[in-house]
PDB file of N, CA and C in Angstrom:
ATOM      1  N   ALA A   1      63.239 -32.369 -52.931  1.00  0.00           N
ATOM      2  CA  ALA A   1      64.009 -33.562 -51.985  1.00  0.00           C
ATOM      3  C   ALA A   1      64.254 -33.586 -50.649  1.00  0.00           C
ATOM      4  N   GLY A   2      64.863 -35.004 -49.730  1.00  0.00           N
ATOM      5  CA  GLY A   2      64.867 -34.985 -48.671  1.00  0.00           C
ATOM      6  C   GLY A   2      64.030 -35.075 -47.967  1.00  0.00           C
ATOM      7  N   ALA A   3      62.467 -35.800 -48.124  1.00  0.00           N
ATOM      8  CA  ALA A   3      61.105 -35.596 -48.072  1.00  0.00           C
ATOM      9  C   ALA A   3      61.144 -36.737 -46.328  1.00  0.00           C
ATOM     10  N   THR A   4      62.526 -37.318 -46.320  1.00  0.00           N
ATOM     11  CA  THR A   4      62.693 -38.718 -45.154  1.00  0.00           C
ATOM     12  C   THR A   4      63.409 -37.676 -44.102  1.00  0.00           C
ATOM     13  N   GLY A   5      63.762 -36.801 -44.498  1.00  0.00           N
ATOM     14  CA  GLY A   5      64.530 -35.762 -43.359  1.00  0.00           C
ATOM     15  C   GLY A   5      63.593 -35.390 -42.239  1.00  0.00           C
ATOM     16  N   ARG A   6      64.188 -34.518 -41.439  1.00  0.00           N
ATOM     17  CA  ARG A   6      63.347 -33.984 -40.420  1.00  0.00           C
ATOM     18  C   ARG A   6      62.870 -32.924 -41.084  1.00  0.00           C
ATOM     19  N   THR A   7      63.151 -31.706 -41.600  1.00  0.00           N
ATOM     20  CA  THR A   7      62.350 -30.759 -42.156  1.00  0.00           C
ATOM     21  C   THR A   7      61.922 -31.301 -43.276  1.00  0.00           C
ATOM     22  N   GLY A   8      62.262 -32.123 -44.537  1.00  0.00           N
ATOM     23  CA  GLY A   8      61.501 -32.512 -45.479  1.00  0.00           C
ATOM     24  C   GLY A   8      60.380 -33.114 -44.858  1.00  0.00           C
ATOM     25  N   LYS A   9      60.394 -33.941 -43.869  1.00  0.00           N
ATOM     26  CA  LYS A   9      59.082 -34.528 -43.548  1.00  0.00           C
ATOM     27  C   LYS A   9      57.784 -33.540 -43.240  1.00  0.00           C
ATOM     28  N   LEU A  10      58.307 -32.662 -42.538  1.00  0.00           N
ATOM     29  CA  LEU A  10      57.645 -31.615 -41.890  1.00  0.00           C
ATOM     30  C   LEU A  10      56.924 -30.688 -43.082  1.00  0.00           C
ATOM     31  N   VAL A  11      57.743 -30.569 -44.149  1.00  0.00           N
ATOM     32  CA  VAL A  11      57.521 -29.760 -45.417  1.00  0.00           C
ATOM     33  C   VAL A  11      56.392 -30.765 -46.296  1.00  0.00           C
ATOM     34  N   VAL A  12      56.749 -31.909 -46.383  1.00  0.00           N
ATOM     35  CA  VAL A  12      55.629 -33.111 -47.097  1.00  0.00           C
ATOM     36  C   VAL A  12      54.288 -33.220 -46.252  1.00  0.00           C
ATOM     37  N   GLU A  13      54.138 -33.119 -45.033  1.00  0.00           N
ATOM     38  CA  GLU A  13      53.145 -33.123 -44.158  1.00  0.00           C
ATOM     39  C   GLU A  13      52.483 -31.992 -44.166  1.00  0.00           C
ATOM     40  N   GLU A  14      52.495 -30.498 -43.802  1.00  0.00           N
ATOM     41  CA  GLU A  14      51.872 -29.486 -44.379  1.00  0.00           C
ATOM     42  C   GLU A  14      51.675 -29.328 -45.907  1.00  0.00           C
ATOM     43  N   LEU A  15      52.538 -29.583 -46.630  1.00  0.00           N
ATOM     44  CA  LEU A  15      51.676 -29.682 -48.039  1.00  0.00           C
ATOM     45  C   LEU A  15      50.373 -30.345 -48.140  1.00  0.00           C
ATOM     46  N   LEU A  16      50.823 -31.450 -48.002  1.00  0.00           N
ATOM     47  CA  LEU A  16      49.600 -32.761 -47.680  1.00  0.00           C
ATOM     48  C   LEU A  16      48.400 -32.716 -47.257  1.00  0.00           C
ATOM     49  N   ASN A  17      48.640 -31.541 -45.681  1.00  0.00           N
ATOM     50  CA  ASN A  17      47.370 -30.868 -45.040  1.00  0.00           C
ATOM     51  C   ASN A  17      46.514 -29.927 -46.082  1.00  0.00           C
ATOM     52  N   ARG A  18      47.580 -29.330 -46.866  1.00  0.00           N
ATOM     53  CA  ARG A  18      46.683 -28.001 -47.726  1.00  0.00           C
ATOM     54  C   ARG A  18      46.337 -28.572 -49.043  1.00  0.00           C
ATOM     55  N   ASP A  19      46.444 -29.705 -49.259  1.00  0.00           N
ATOM     56  CA  ASP A  19      45.763 -30.523 -50.483  1.00  0.00           C
ATOM     57  C   ASP A  19      46.379 -30.454 -51.243  1.00  0.00           C
ATOM     58  N   VAL A  20      47.991 -30.673 -51.142  1.00  0.00           N
ATOM     59  CA  VAL A  20      48.519 -30.169 -52.685  1.00  0.00           C
ATOM     60  C   VAL A  20      49.501 -31.509 -52.789  1.00  0.00           C
ATOM     61  N   GLN A  21      49.202 -32.087 -54.067  1.00  0.00           N
ATOM     62  CA  GLN A  21      50.301 -33.197 -54.434  1.00  0.00           C
ATOM     63  C   GLN A  21      51.614 -32.937 -54.650  1.00  0.00           C
ATOM     64  N   VAL A  22      51.939 -34.185 -53.813  1.00  0.00           N
ATOM     65  CA  VAL A  22      53.601 -34.156 -53.654  1.00  0.00           C
ATOM     66  C   VAL A  22      54.398 -35.088 -54.320  1.00  0.00           C
ATOM     67  N   VAL A  23      55.292 -35.105 -54.413  1.00  0.00           N
ATOM     68  CA  VAL A  23      56.257 -35.672 -54.966  1.00  0.00           C
ATOM     69  C   VAL A  23      57.600 -35.601 -54.129  1.00  0.00           C
ATOM     70  N   ALA A  24      57.714 -37.035 -53.434  1.00  0.00           N
ATOM     71  CA  ALA A  24      58.767 -37.170 -52.378  1.00  0.00           C
ATOM     72  C   ALA A  24      60.131 -37.887 -52.803  1.00  0.00           C
ATOM     73  N   MET A  25      60.940 -36.859 -53.172  1.00  0.00           N
ATOM     74  CA  MET A  25      62.112 -37.443 -54.176  1.00  0.00           C
ATOM     75  C   MET A  25      63.439 -38.212 -52.541  1.00  0.00           C
ATOM     76  N   VAL A  26      63.614 -39.143 -52.210  1.00  0.00           N
ATOM     77  CA  VAL A  26      64.273 -39.881 -51.277  1.00  0.00           C
ATOM     78  C   VAL A  26      65.142 -40.402 -52.238  1.00  0.00           C
ATOM     79  N   ARG A  27      66.325 -41.278 -50.950  1.00  0.00           N
ATOM     80  CA  ARG A  27      67.202 -41.875 -51.415  1.00  0.00           C
ATOM     81  C   ARG A  27      66.837 -43.505 -51.342  1.00  0.00           C
ATOM     82  N   SER A  28      65.649 -43.603 -50.083  1.00  0.00           N
ATOM     83  CA  SER A  28      65.468 -44.812 -50.265  1.00  0.00           C
ATOM     84  C   SER A  28      63.669 -44.965 -50.183  1.00  0.00           C
ATOM     85  N   THR A  29      63.481 -45.878 -51.166  1.00  0.00           N
ATOM     86  CA  THR A  29      61.613 -45.873 -51.210  1.00  0.00           C
ATOM     87  C   THR A  29      61.406 -46.772 -49.398  1.00  0.00           C
ATOM     88  N   GLU A  30      62.185 -48.103 -49.097  1.00  0.00           N
ATOM     89  CA  GLU A  30      62.183 -48.221 -47.963  1.00  0.00           C
ATOM     90  C   GLU A  30      61.897 -47.509 -46.731  1.00  0.00           C
ATOM     91  N   ARG A  31      62.853 -46.658 -46.682  1.00  0.00           N
ATOM     92  CA  ARG A  31      62.921 -45.881 -45.766  1.00  0.00           C
ATOM     93  C   ARG A  31      61.949 -44.861 -45.444  1.00  0.00           C
ATOM     94  N   ALA A  32      61.667 -44.293 -46.948  1.00  0.00           N
ATOM     95  CA  ALA A  32      60.278 -43.232 -47.084  1.00  0.00           C
ATOM     96  C   ALA A  32      58.757 -44.020 -46.223  1.00  0.00           C
ATOM     97  N   LYS A  33      58.956 -45.059 -46.897  1.00  0.00           N
ATOM     98  CA  LYS A  33      57.527 -46.132 -46.570  1.00  0.00           C
ATOM     99  C   LYS A  33      57.556 -45.989 -44.913  1.00  0.00           C
ATOM    100  N   GLU A  34      58.934 -46.183 -44.299  1.00  0.00           N
ATOM    101  CA  GLU A  34      58.609 -46.141 -42.848  1.00  0.00           C
ATOM    102  C   GLU A  34      58.506 -44.873 -42.290  1.00  0.00           C
ATOM    103  N   MET A  35      58.915 -43.691 -42.404  1.00  0.00           N
ATOM    104  CA  MET A  35      58.992 -42.395 -42.349  1.00  0.00           C
ATOM    105  C   MET A  35      57.446 -41.588 -42.342  1.00  0.00           C
ATOM    106  N   LEU A  36      57.227 -42.141 -43.852  1.00  0.00           N
ATOM    107  CA  LEU A  36      56.117 -41.158 -44.157  1.00  0.00           C
ATOM    108  C   LEU A  36      54.859 -42.291 -44.052  1.00  0.00           C
ATOM    109  N   THR A  37      54.513 -43.175 -43.163  1.00  0.00           N
ATOM    110  CA  THR A  37      53.457 -44.188 -43.185  1.00  0.00           C
ATOM    111  C   THR A  37      52.141 -43.522 -43.093  1.00  0.00           C
ATOM    112  N   ASN A  38      52.034 -42.617 -42.033  1.00  0.00           N
ATOM    113  CA  ASN A  38      50.694 -42.243 -41.073  1.00  0.00           C
ATOM    114  C   ASN A  38      50.451 -40.997 -41.922  1.00  0.00           C
ATOM    115  N   LEU A  39      51.050 -40.659 -42.995  1.00  0.00           N
ATOM    116  CA  LEU A  39      50.877 -40.092 -44.207  1.00  0.00           C
ATOM    117  C   LEU A  39      49.763 -40.144 -45.369  1.00  0.00           C
ATOM    118  N   THR A  40      48.560 -39.610 -45.872  1.00  0.00           N
ATOM    119  CA  THR A  40      47.779 -39.683 -46.372  1.00  0.00           C
ATOM    120  C   THR A  40      48.519 -39.962 -47.760  1.00  0.00           C
ATOM    121  N   GLN A  41      47.980 -41.347 -48.753  1.00  0.00           N
ATOM    122  CA  GLN A  41      48.984 -41.878 -49.369  1.00  0.00           C
ATOM    123  C   GLN A  41      48.482 -41.397 -51.298  1.00  0.00           C
ATOM    124  N   THR A  42      46.919 -40.634 -50.942  1.00  0.00           N
ATOM    125  CA  THR A  42      46.298 -40.594 -52.382  1.00  0.00           C
ATOM    126  C   THR A  42      47.314 -39.625 -52.958  1.00  0.00           C
ATOM    127  N   LYS A  43      47.972 -38.695 -52.188  1.00  0.00           N
ATOM    128  CA  LYS A  43      48.493 -37.294 -52.784  1.00  0.00           C
ATOM    129  C   LYS A  43      49.825 -37.299 -52.150  1.00  0.00           C
ATOM    130  N   LEU A  44      50.093 -39.066 -52.279  1.00  0.00           N
ATOM    131  CA  LEU A  44      51.995 -38.661 -52.049  1.00  0.00           C
ATOM    132  C   LEU A  44      52.652 -39.790 -53.248  1.00  0.00           C
ATOM    133  N   ASP A  45      53.080 -39.225 -54.476  1.00  0.00           N
ATOM    134  CA  ASP A  45      54.222 -40.080 -55.297  1.00  0.00           C
ATOM    135  C   ASP A  45      55.821 -39.965 -54.637  1.00  0.00           C
ATOM    136  N   ILE A  46      55.828 -41.471 -53.977  1.00  0.00           N
ATOM    137  CA  ILE A  46      57.464 -41.417 -53.552  1.00  0.00           C
ATOM    138  C   ILE A  46      58.153 -41.690 -54.618  1.00  0.00           C
ATOM    139  N   ARG A  47      59.190 -41.067 -55.183  1.00  0.00           N
ATOM    140  CA  ARG A  47      60.296 -41.352 -56.013  1.00  0.00           C
ATOM    141  C   ARG A  47      61.943 -41.606 -55.654  1.00  0.00           C
ATOM    142  N   GLN A  48      62.460 -42.805 -55.446  1.00  0.00           N
ATOM    143  CA  GLN A  48      63.596 -43.169 -55.429  1.00  0.00           C
ATOM    144  C   GLN A  48      64.510 -42.141 -56.036  1.00  0.00           C
ATOM    145  N   CYS A  49      65.672 -41.418 -55.796  1.00  0.00           N
ATOM    146  CA  CYS A  49      66.415 -40.723 -56.968  1.00  0.00           C
ATOM    147  C   CYS A  49      67.791 -40.470 -56.009  1.00  0.00           C
ATOM    148  N   ASP A  50      68.657 -40.777 -56.941  1.00  0.00           N
ATOM    149  CA  ASP A  50      70.172 -40.262 -56.857  1.00  0.00           C
ATOM    150  C   ASP A  50      70.134 -38.559 -56.337  1.00  0.00           C
ATOM    151  N   LEU A  51      70.383 -38.079 -55.270  1.00  0.00           N
ATOM    152  CA  LEU A  51      70.307 -36.699 -54.791  1.00  0.00           C
ATOM    153  C   LEU A  51      71.435 -36.191 -55.223  1.00  0.00           C
ATOM    154  N   THR A  52      72.394 -36.919 -55.839  1.00  0.00           N
ATOM    155  CA  THR A  52      73.712 -36.021 -56.040  1.00  0.00           C
ATOM    156  C   THR A  52      73.719 -36.300 -58.010  1.00  0.00           C
ATOM    157  N   ASN A  53      72.932 -36.999 -58.508  1.00  0.00           N
ATOM    158  CA  ASN A  53      72.951 -37.204 -59.878  1.00  0.00           C
ATOM    159  C   ASN A  53      71.845 -36.009 -60.362  1.00  0.00           C
ATOM    160  N   ALA A  54      72.341 -35.069 -61.555  1.00  0.00           N
ATOM    161  CA  ALA A  54      71.588 -34.002 -61.704  1.00  0.00           C
ATOM    162  C   ALA A  54      70.564 -34.477 -62.603  1.00  0.00           C
ATOM    163  N   ASP A  55      71.069 -35.633 -63.856  1.00  0.00           N
ATOM    164  CA  ASP A  55      70.011 -36.411 -64.352  1.00  0.00           C
ATOM    165  C   ASP A  55      68.835 -36.710 -63.986  1.00  0.00           C
ATOM    166  N   ALA A  56      69.400 -37.480 -62.666  1.00  0.00           N
ATOM    167  CA  ALA A  56      68.425 -38.370 -62.147  1.00  0.00           C
ATOM    168  C   ALA A  56      67.031 -37.120 -61.758  1.00  0.00           C
ATOM    169  N   ILE A  57      67.654 -36.467 -61.021  1.00  0.00           N
ATOM    170  CA  ILE A  57      66.954 -35.153 -60.275  1.00  0.00           C
ATOM    171  C   ILE A  57      66.128 -34.815 -61.302  1.00  0.00           C
ATOM    172  N   SER A  58      66.396 -34.291 -62.590  1.00  0.00           N
ATOM    173  CA  SER A  58      66.155 -33.682 -63.627  1.00  0.00           C
ATOM    174  C   SER A  58      64.794 -34.902 -64.234  1.00  0.00           C
ATOM    175  N   LYS A  59      64.762 -36.011 -63.915  1.00  0.00           N
ATOM    176  CA  LYS A  59      63.994 -37.333 -64.938  1.00  0.00           C
ATOM    177  C   LYS A  59      62.597 -37.133 -63.188  1.00  0.00           C
ATOM    178  N   ALA A  60      63.254 -37.276 -62.033  1.00  0.00           N
ATOM    179  CA  ALA A  60      62.569 -37.588 -60.855  1.00  0.00           C
ATOM    180  C   ALA A  60      61.547 -36.122 -60.958  1.00  0.00           C
ATOM    181  N   ILE A  61      61.681 -34.909 -61.192  1.00  0.00           N
ATOM    182  CA  ILE A  61      60.695 -33.889 -60.961  1.00  0.00           C
ATOM    183  C   ILE A  61      60.072 -33.201 -62.303  1.00  0.00           C
ATOM    184  N   GLN A  62      60.292 -34.513 -63.462  1.00  0.00           N
ATOM    185  CA  GLN A  62      59.410 -33.579 -64.245  1.00  0.00           C
ATOM    186  C   GLN A  62      57.797 -33.735 -64.128  1.00  0.00           C
ATOM    187  N   GLY A  63      57.118 -33.224 -64.644  1.00  0.00           N
ATOM    188  CA  GLY A  63      55.855 -32.780 -64.189  1.00  0.00           C
ATOM    189  C   GLY A  63      55.450 -31.625 -63.283  1.00  0.00           C
ATOM    190  N   CYS A  64      56.558 -31.402 -62.301  1.00  0.00           N
ATOM    191  CA  CYS A  64      55.956 -30.827 -61.157  1.00  0.00           C
ATOM    192  C   CYS A  64      56.373 -29.285 -61.413  1.00  0.00           C
ATOM    193  N   ASP A  65      55.271 -28.649 -60.472  1.00  0.00           N
ATOM    194  CA  ASP A  65      55.367 -26.886 -61.048  1.00  0.00           C
ATOM    195  C   ASP A  65      56.268 -26.390 -59.886  1.00  0.00           C
ATOM    196  N   ALA A  66      56.806 -26.879 -58.983  1.00  0.00           N
ATOM    197  CA  ALA A  66      57.983 -26.068 -57.664  1.00  0.00           C
ATOM    198  C   ALA A  66      58.687 -27.199 -57.715  1.00  0.00           C
ATOM    199  N   VAL A  67      59.760 -26.815 -56.513  1.00  0.00           N
ATOM    200  CA  VAL A  67      60.657 -27.898 -56.364  1.00  0.00           C
ATOM    201  C   VAL A  67      60.909 -27.237 -54.531  1.00  0.00           C
ATOM    202  N   VAL A  68      60.617 -27.924 -53.723  1.00  0.00           N
ATOM    203  CA  VAL A  68      61.576 -27.888 -52.455  1.00  0.00           C
ATOM    204  C   VAL A  68      62.560 -28.684 -51.846  1.00  0.00           C
ATOM    205  N   TRP A  69      63.711 -28.015 -51.805  1.00  0.00           N
ATOM    206  CA  TRP A  69      64.906 -28.898 -51.235  1.00  0.00           C
ATOM    207  C   TRP A  69      65.134 -28.901 -49.854  1.00  0.00           C
ATOM    208  N   CYS A  70      64.952 -30.200 -49.557  1.00  0.00           N
ATOM    209  CA  CYS A  70      65.152 -30.332 -48.177  1.00  0.00           C
ATOM    210  C   CYS A  70      66.713 -31.058 -47.664  1.00  0.00           C
ATOM    211  N   ALA A  71      66.985 -31.951 -48.631  1.00  0.00           N
ATOM    212  CA  ALA A  71      67.957 -32.610 -48.050  1.00  0.00           C
ATOM    213  C   ALA A  71      69.526 -32.085 -48.216  1.00  0.00           C
ATOM    214  N   THR A  72      69.994 -32.141 -47.163  1.00  0.00           N
ATOM    215  CA  THR A  72      71.215 -31.485 -46.460  1.00  0.00           C
ATOM    216  C   THR A  72      72.202 -32.287 -46.264  1.00  0.00           C
ATOM    217  N   GLY A  73      71.951 -33.554 -45.624  1.00  0.00           N
ATOM    218  CA  GLY A  73      73.417 -34.392 -45.692  1.00  0.00           C
ATOM    219  C   GLY A  73      74.153 -34.760 -46.352  1.00  0.00           C
ATOM    220  N   PHE A  74      73.768 -35.247 -47.362  1.00  0.00           N
ATOM    221  CA  PHE A  74      74.685 -35.770 -48.699  1.00  0.00           C
ATOM    222  C   PHE A  74      75.808 -36.583 -47.793  1.00  0.00           C
ATOM    223  N   SER A  75      75.430 -37.224 -47.447  1.00  0.00           N
ATOM    224  CA  SER A  75      76.757 -38.590 -46.849  1.00  0.00           C
ATOM    225  C   SER A  75      77.384 -39.391 -47.480  1.00  0.00           C
ATOM    226  N   ASP A  76      76.989 -39.290 -49.043  1.00  0.00           N
ATOM    227  CA  ASP A  76      77.842 -40.124 -49.695  1.00  0.00           C
ATOM    228  C   ASP A  76      79.384 -39.363 -49.767  1.00  0.00           C
ATOM    229  N   ALA A  77      79.458 -37.840 -49.544  1.00  0.00           N
ATOM    230  CA  ALA A  77      80.444 -37.165 -49.908  1.00  0.00           C
ATOM    231  C   ALA A  77      80.962 -36.410 -48.237  1.00  0.00           C
ATOM    232  N   PRO A  78      81.353 -36.403 -47.037  1.00  0.00           N
ATOM    233  CA  PRO A  78      80.946 -36.164 -46.192  1.00  0.00           C
ATOM    234  C   PRO A  78      82.247 -34.783 -46.078  1.00  0.00           C
ATOM    235  N   SER A  79      83.297 -35.301 -46.807  1.00  0.00           N
ATOM    236  CA  SER A  79      84.296 -34.095 -46.862  1.00  0.00           C
ATOM    237  C   SER A  79      83.947 -32.986 -47.337  1.00  0.00           C
ATOM    238  N   THR A  80      83.447 -32.807 -48.411  1.00  0.00           N
ATOM    239  CA  THR A  80      82.913 -32.019 -49.649  1.00  0.00           C
ATOM    240  C   THR A  80      82.088 -31.090 -48.881  1.00  0.00           C
ATOM    241  N   GLY A  81      82.174 -29.455 -48.578  1.00  0.00           N
ATOM    242  CA  GLY A  81      81.044 -28.599 -48.175  1.00  0.00           C
ATOM    243  C   GLY A  81      79.864 -28.569 -48.655  1.00  0.00           C
ATOM    244  N   ILE A  82      78.943 -28.141 -48.295  1.00  0.00           N
ATOM    245  CA  ILE A  82      77.538 -28.081 -48.743  1.00  0.00           C
ATOM    246  C   ILE A  82      77.496 -27.065 -49.999  1.00  0.00           C
ATOM    247  N   VAL A  83      78.667 -25.834 -50.035  1.00  0.00           N
ATOM    248  CA  VAL A  83      77.934 -25.134 -50.960  1.00  0.00           C
ATOM    249  C   VAL A  83      78.558 -25.673 -52.110  1.00  0.00           C
ATOM    250  N   GLU A  84      79.554 -26.636 -52.412  1.00  0.00           N
ATOM    251  CA  GLU A  84      80.404 -27.195 -53.393  1.00  0.00           C
ATOM    252  C   GLU A  84      79.397 -28.402 -53.992  1.00  0.00           C
ATOM    253  N   LYS A  85      78.357 -29.043 -52.958  1.00  0.00           N
ATOM    254  CA  LYS A  85      78.042 -30.249 -53.153  1.00  0.00           C
ATOM    255  C   LYS A  85      76.628 -29.423 -54.299  1.00  0.00           C
ATOM    256  N   PHE A  86      75.994 -28.280 -53.549  1.00  0.00           N
ATOM    257  CA  PHE A  86      75.054 -27.516 -54.524  1.00  0.00           C
ATOM    258  C   PHE A  86      75.432 -27.279 -55.647  1.00  0.00           C
ATOM    259  N   LYS A  87      76.833 -26.987 -56.049  1.00  0.00           N
ATOM    260  CA  LYS A  87      77.106 -26.589 -57.308  1.00  0.00           C
ATOM    261  C   LYS A  87      77.765 -27.342 -58.200  1.00  0.00           C
ATOM    262  N   ARG A  88      78.035 -28.370 -57.843  1.00  0.00           N
ATOM    263  CA  ARG A  88      78.125 -29.504 -58.404  1.00  0.00           C
ATOM    264  C   ARG A  88      76.629 -30.198 -59.066  1.00  0.00           C
ATOM    265  N   LEU A  89      75.644 -30.425 -58.171  1.00  0.00           N
ATOM    266  CA  LEU A  89      74.684 -30.824 -58.362  1.00  0.00           C
ATOM    267  C   LEU A  89      73.570 -29.915 -59.069  1.00  0.00           C
ATOM    268  N   LEU A  90      73.490 -28.581 -58.561  1.00  0.00           N
ATOM    269  CA  LEU A  90      72.683 -27.887 -59.814  1.00  0.00           C
ATOM    270  C   LEU A  90      73.451 -27.047 -60.831  1.00  0.00           C
ATOM    271  N   GLY A  91      74.894 -27.248 -61.137  1.00  0.00           N
ATOM    272  CA  GLY A  91      75.218 -27.037 -62.273  1.00  0.00           C
ATOM    273  C   GLY A  91      75.990 -25.148 -62.269  1.00  0.00           C
ATOM    274  N   ILE A  92      75.671 -24.902 -60.640  1.00  0.00           N
ATOM    275  CA  ILE A  92      75.571 -23.327 -60.336  1.00  0.00           C
ATOM    276  C   ILE A  92      76.978 -23.149 -60.594  1.00  0.00           C
ATOM    277  N   ALA A  93      77.709 -22.163 -61.817  1.00  0.00           N
ATOM    278  CA  ALA A  93      78.926 -21.886 -61.741  1.00  0.00           C
ATOM    279  C   ALA A  93      78.925 -20.236 -60.698  1.00  0.00           C
ATOM    280  N   LEU A  94      80.096 -20.121 -59.974  1.00  0.00           N
ATOM    281  CA  LEU A  94      80.295 -18.549 -59.553  1.00  0.00           C
ATOM    282  C   LEU A  94      81.472 -18.409 -59.854  1.00  0.00           C
ATOM    283  N   ALA A  95      80.936 -16.863 -60.656  1.00  0.00           N
ATOM    284  CA  ALA A  95      82.505 -16.698 -61.053  1.00  0.00           C
ATOM    285  C   ALA A  95      83.024 -15.728 -60.056  1.00  0.00           C
ATOM    286  N   PRO A  96      84.496 -15.896 -59.899  1.00  0.00           N
ATOM    287  CA  PRO A  96      85.722 -15.417 -58.534  1.00  0.00           C
ATOM    288  C   PRO A  96      85.126 -13.667 -58.940  1.00  0.00           C
ATOM    289  N   LYS A  97      84.960 -13.047 -57.530  1.00  0.00           N
ATOM    290  CA  LYS A  97      85.291 -11.681 -57.696  1.00  0.00           C
ATOM    291  C   LYS A  97      86.318 -11.186 -58.419  1.00  0.00           C
ATOM    292  N   GLN A  98      85.943 -10.352 -58.915  1.00  0.00           N
ATOM    293  CA  GLN A  98      86.768  -9.381 -59.775  1.00  0.00           C
ATOM    294  C   GLN A  98      87.625  -8.217 -58.913  1.00  0.00           C
ATOM    295  N   SER A  99      88.763  -8.276 -58.748  1.00  0.00           N
ATOM    296  CA  SER A  99      89.243  -7.090 -58.075  1.00  0.00           C
ATOM    297  C   SER A  99      89.399  -5.902 -58.417  1.00  0.00           C
TER     298      SER A  99
END
């Protein structure tokens, strides 16, 4: 996820250079087409996905062997901390420390 960002684009490029089939999850396919135009398209599958919706993410990654998460912005909720966003997104429940 996050294939059009600085890190994500580098990850996509490296995987394609290694002849790996890549599913690029993006918020905007239009932006992805602009950002990833110079990449070999035969091994690249661009999928639009709401990166804050667990069901949409689950659907988008069906058939994938592994996932590399590169999205960090989450510009739709700038006041929420990154840890809280990941907890919500991935359904991670962290138990409070017991004294």
